[in-house]
N, C-alpha and C. Protein backbone atom coordinates (compact mmCIF):
# COMPACT_ATOMS: atom_id res chain seq x y z
N MET A 1 -14.18 43.35 22.75
CA MET A 1 -14.24 42.62 21.50
C MET A 1 -15.42 41.65 21.52
N ASN A 2 -15.95 41.36 20.37
CA ASN A 2 -17.09 40.45 20.26
C ASN A 2 -16.59 39.02 20.05
N ILE A 3 -16.04 38.45 21.12
CA ILE A 3 -15.45 37.12 21.07
C ILE A 3 -16.50 36.04 20.81
N ALA A 4 -17.71 36.25 21.26
CA ALA A 4 -18.76 35.24 21.08
C ALA A 4 -18.99 34.93 19.61
N SER A 5 -18.71 35.88 18.72
CA SER A 5 -18.92 35.63 17.30
C SER A 5 -17.80 34.82 16.68
N GLY A 6 -16.69 34.67 17.41
CA GLY A 6 -15.58 33.91 16.87
C GLY A 6 -14.62 34.73 16.04
N ILE A 7 -14.87 36.00 15.91
CA ILE A 7 -14.01 36.86 15.11
C ILE A 7 -13.61 38.08 15.95
N PRO A 8 -12.77 37.90 16.97
CA PRO A 8 -12.46 39.01 17.87
C PRO A 8 -11.66 40.14 17.23
N LYS A 9 -10.99 39.91 16.11
CA LYS A 9 -10.19 40.97 15.49
C LYS A 9 -10.98 41.75 14.44
N PHE A 10 -12.22 41.39 14.21
CA PHE A 10 -13.01 42.04 13.17
C PHE A 10 -13.27 43.50 13.50
N CYS A 11 -13.91 43.76 14.62
CA CYS A 11 -14.27 45.12 14.99
C CYS A 11 -14.58 45.15 16.47
N SER A 12 -14.13 46.19 17.15
CA SER A 12 -14.42 46.26 18.58
C SER A 12 -15.90 46.57 18.78
N LEU A 13 -16.46 46.01 19.82
CA LEU A 13 -17.88 46.17 20.12
C LEU A 13 -18.22 47.64 20.38
N SER A 14 -17.29 48.40 20.95
CA SER A 14 -17.56 49.81 21.24
C SER A 14 -17.80 50.61 19.95
N ILE A 15 -17.13 50.24 18.87
CA ILE A 15 -17.35 50.93 17.59
C ILE A 15 -18.75 50.62 17.06
N ILE A 16 -19.15 49.37 17.16
CA ILE A 16 -20.47 48.97 16.66
C ILE A 16 -21.59 49.58 17.49
N GLN A 17 -21.40 49.68 18.79
CA GLN A 17 -22.45 50.18 19.68
C GLN A 17 -22.50 51.70 19.77
N ALA A 18 -21.52 52.39 19.23
CA ALA A 18 -21.48 53.85 19.32
C ALA A 18 -22.65 54.47 18.55
N ASP A 19 -23.25 55.50 19.13
CA ASP A 19 -24.35 56.20 18.45
C ASP A 19 -23.83 56.91 17.21
N GLY A 20 -24.57 56.83 16.14
CA GLY A 20 -24.23 57.52 14.91
C GLY A 20 -23.06 56.93 14.14
N ASN A 21 -22.73 55.66 14.39
CA ASN A 21 -21.62 55.07 13.63
C ASN A 21 -22.05 54.81 12.19
N ALA A 22 -21.08 54.71 11.31
CA ALA A 22 -21.36 54.55 9.87
C ALA A 22 -21.66 53.11 9.47
N TYR A 23 -21.54 52.18 10.40
CA TYR A 23 -21.68 50.77 10.06
C TYR A 23 -23.07 50.20 10.28
N ILE A 24 -23.87 50.84 11.12
CA ILE A 24 -25.21 50.31 11.42
C ILE A 24 -26.25 51.40 11.19
N ARG A 25 -27.25 51.07 10.37
CA ARG A 25 -28.38 51.95 10.12
C ARG A 25 -29.65 51.12 10.10
N ASP A 26 -30.65 51.53 10.83
CA ASP A 26 -31.95 50.84 10.87
C ASP A 26 -31.78 49.35 11.14
N ASP A 27 -31.00 49.01 12.16
CA ASP A 27 -30.76 47.63 12.58
C ASP A 27 -30.14 46.76 11.48
N THR A 28 -29.40 47.38 10.57
CA THR A 28 -28.71 46.65 9.51
C THR A 28 -27.23 47.03 9.54
N MET A 29 -26.36 46.02 9.51
CA MET A 29 -24.91 46.29 9.52
C MET A 29 -24.40 46.30 8.08
N PHE A 30 -23.64 47.34 7.74
CA PHE A 30 -23.07 47.48 6.41
C PHE A 30 -21.57 47.20 6.48
N ILE A 31 -21.12 46.29 5.65
CA ILE A 31 -19.71 45.92 5.60
C ILE A 31 -19.28 45.92 4.14
N LYS A 32 -18.20 46.63 3.84
CA LYS A 32 -17.65 46.64 2.49
C LYS A 32 -16.50 45.64 2.43
N ILE A 33 -16.55 44.76 1.44
CA ILE A 33 -15.52 43.75 1.27
C ILE A 33 -14.95 43.87 -0.13
N MET A 34 -13.63 43.87 -0.21
CA MET A 34 -12.96 43.89 -1.51
C MET A 34 -12.09 42.64 -1.60
N MET A 35 -12.27 41.88 -2.68
CA MET A 35 -11.53 40.64 -2.86
C MET A 35 -10.79 40.67 -4.19
N ASP A 36 -9.57 40.18 -4.18
CA ASP A 36 -8.75 40.12 -5.39
C ASP A 36 -8.63 38.66 -5.82
N PHE A 37 -9.28 38.32 -6.93
CA PHE A 37 -9.23 36.95 -7.45
C PHE A 37 -8.25 36.83 -8.61
N GLY A 38 -7.44 37.85 -8.84
CA GLY A 38 -6.55 37.89 -9.98
C GLY A 38 -5.56 36.75 -10.07
N ASP A 39 -5.07 36.26 -8.93
CA ASP A 39 -4.05 35.21 -8.97
C ASP A 39 -4.63 33.81 -8.81
N LEU A 40 -5.95 33.69 -8.80
CA LEU A 40 -6.59 32.37 -8.69
C LEU A 40 -6.91 31.83 -10.07
N PRO A 41 -6.68 30.54 -10.29
CA PRO A 41 -7.08 29.94 -11.57
C PRO A 41 -8.60 29.99 -11.73
N LYS A 42 -9.07 30.36 -12.89
CA LYS A 42 -10.51 30.51 -13.11
C LYS A 42 -11.27 29.20 -12.91
N ASN A 43 -10.65 28.07 -13.22
CA ASN A 43 -11.35 26.80 -13.05
C ASN A 43 -11.46 26.40 -11.58
N SER A 44 -10.72 27.04 -10.68
CA SER A 44 -10.80 26.73 -9.24
C SER A 44 -11.70 27.69 -8.49
N LEU A 45 -12.09 28.77 -9.12
CA LEU A 45 -12.82 29.83 -8.43
C LEU A 45 -14.13 29.34 -7.81
N GLN A 46 -14.92 28.58 -8.55
CA GLN A 46 -16.19 28.09 -8.02
C GLN A 46 -15.97 27.20 -6.81
N PHE A 47 -14.96 26.34 -6.86
CA PHE A 47 -14.65 25.46 -5.73
C PHE A 47 -14.25 26.29 -4.51
N ILE A 48 -13.37 27.25 -4.71
CA ILE A 48 -12.86 28.06 -3.60
C ILE A 48 -13.98 28.88 -2.96
N LEU A 49 -14.85 29.46 -3.78
CA LEU A 49 -15.95 30.25 -3.23
C LEU A 49 -16.97 29.39 -2.49
N GLY A 50 -16.97 28.09 -2.75
CA GLY A 50 -17.89 27.18 -2.08
C GLY A 50 -17.36 26.63 -0.76
N LEU A 51 -16.12 26.98 -0.40
CA LEU A 51 -15.56 26.50 0.86
C LEU A 51 -16.31 27.09 2.05
N ASN A 52 -16.37 26.33 3.11
CA ASN A 52 -17.03 26.79 4.33
C ASN A 52 -16.20 27.91 4.96
N PRO A 53 -16.75 29.14 5.06
CA PRO A 53 -15.98 30.24 5.64
C PRO A 53 -15.72 30.07 7.13
N GLY A 54 -16.37 29.10 7.75
CA GLY A 54 -16.14 28.83 9.16
C GLY A 54 -14.86 28.06 9.42
N PHE A 55 -14.29 27.46 8.36
CA PHE A 55 -13.02 26.74 8.53
C PHE A 55 -11.92 27.75 8.85
N PRO A 56 -10.96 27.38 9.69
CA PRO A 56 -9.81 28.25 9.93
C PRO A 56 -9.06 28.48 8.61
N MET A 57 -8.38 29.62 8.51
CA MET A 57 -7.71 30.00 7.27
C MET A 57 -6.69 28.95 6.83
N ASN A 58 -5.95 28.36 7.77
CA ASN A 58 -4.95 27.36 7.38
C ASN A 58 -5.61 26.12 6.78
N ILE A 59 -6.78 25.75 7.27
CA ILE A 59 -7.52 24.60 6.71
C ILE A 59 -8.02 24.95 5.31
N GLN A 60 -8.57 26.15 5.14
CA GLN A 60 -9.03 26.57 3.82
C GLN A 60 -7.88 26.55 2.81
N GLN A 61 -6.72 27.05 3.22
CA GLN A 61 -5.57 27.08 2.32
C GLN A 61 -5.10 25.67 1.97
N ALA A 62 -5.13 24.76 2.93
CA ALA A 62 -4.74 23.37 2.66
C ALA A 62 -5.71 22.72 1.67
N ILE A 63 -7.00 22.98 1.84
CA ILE A 63 -8.01 22.43 0.92
C ILE A 63 -7.80 23.01 -0.48
N MET A 64 -7.51 24.31 -0.57
CA MET A 64 -7.29 24.93 -1.87
C MET A 64 -6.05 24.36 -2.55
N LYS A 65 -4.98 24.13 -1.80
CA LYS A 65 -3.77 23.53 -2.38
C LYS A 65 -4.04 22.13 -2.90
N GLU A 66 -4.80 21.35 -2.13
CA GLU A 66 -5.13 19.99 -2.55
C GLU A 66 -5.96 20.00 -3.83
N GLU A 67 -6.92 20.90 -3.92
CA GLU A 67 -7.74 21.01 -5.12
C GLU A 67 -6.89 21.46 -6.31
N SER A 68 -5.97 22.36 -6.08
CA SER A 68 -5.08 22.82 -7.15
C SER A 68 -4.23 21.67 -7.68
N LYS A 69 -3.74 20.83 -6.78
CA LYS A 69 -2.95 19.65 -7.19
C LYS A 69 -3.79 18.71 -8.04
N LYS A 70 -5.05 18.49 -7.63
CA LYS A 70 -5.94 17.60 -8.38
C LYS A 70 -6.16 18.11 -9.80
N GLN A 71 -6.34 19.42 -9.94
CA GLN A 71 -6.65 19.99 -11.24
C GLN A 71 -5.45 20.03 -12.17
N THR A 72 -4.23 20.03 -11.62
CA THR A 72 -3.04 20.05 -12.48
C THR A 72 -2.65 18.65 -12.93
N GLN A 73 -3.21 17.62 -12.34
CA GLN A 73 -2.88 16.24 -12.72
C GLN A 73 -3.64 15.80 -13.95
C-alpha cells in the first residue's frame, strides 16, 4: 500500500506499478470520481467544496454540520 501518501486504502501500489494498467498512461494517472450532491443544500455547496480535503472525514463532517447550523439560524 502507498502509506506515504496518507491514503493507504485508495489503491494498492502493485496495481499502479503493473505494466499496461488502465490507470496510468504517459506518466499521467487517471482517476474517475463520481459525487452525489443531491442531498446537500445549494447554499452550502460552495462552502463544502472549499473545505480542505486533507482534513479527516470526521472533522470535515463536523465543520459541515456547524455551517449548516449557522445557515439555518
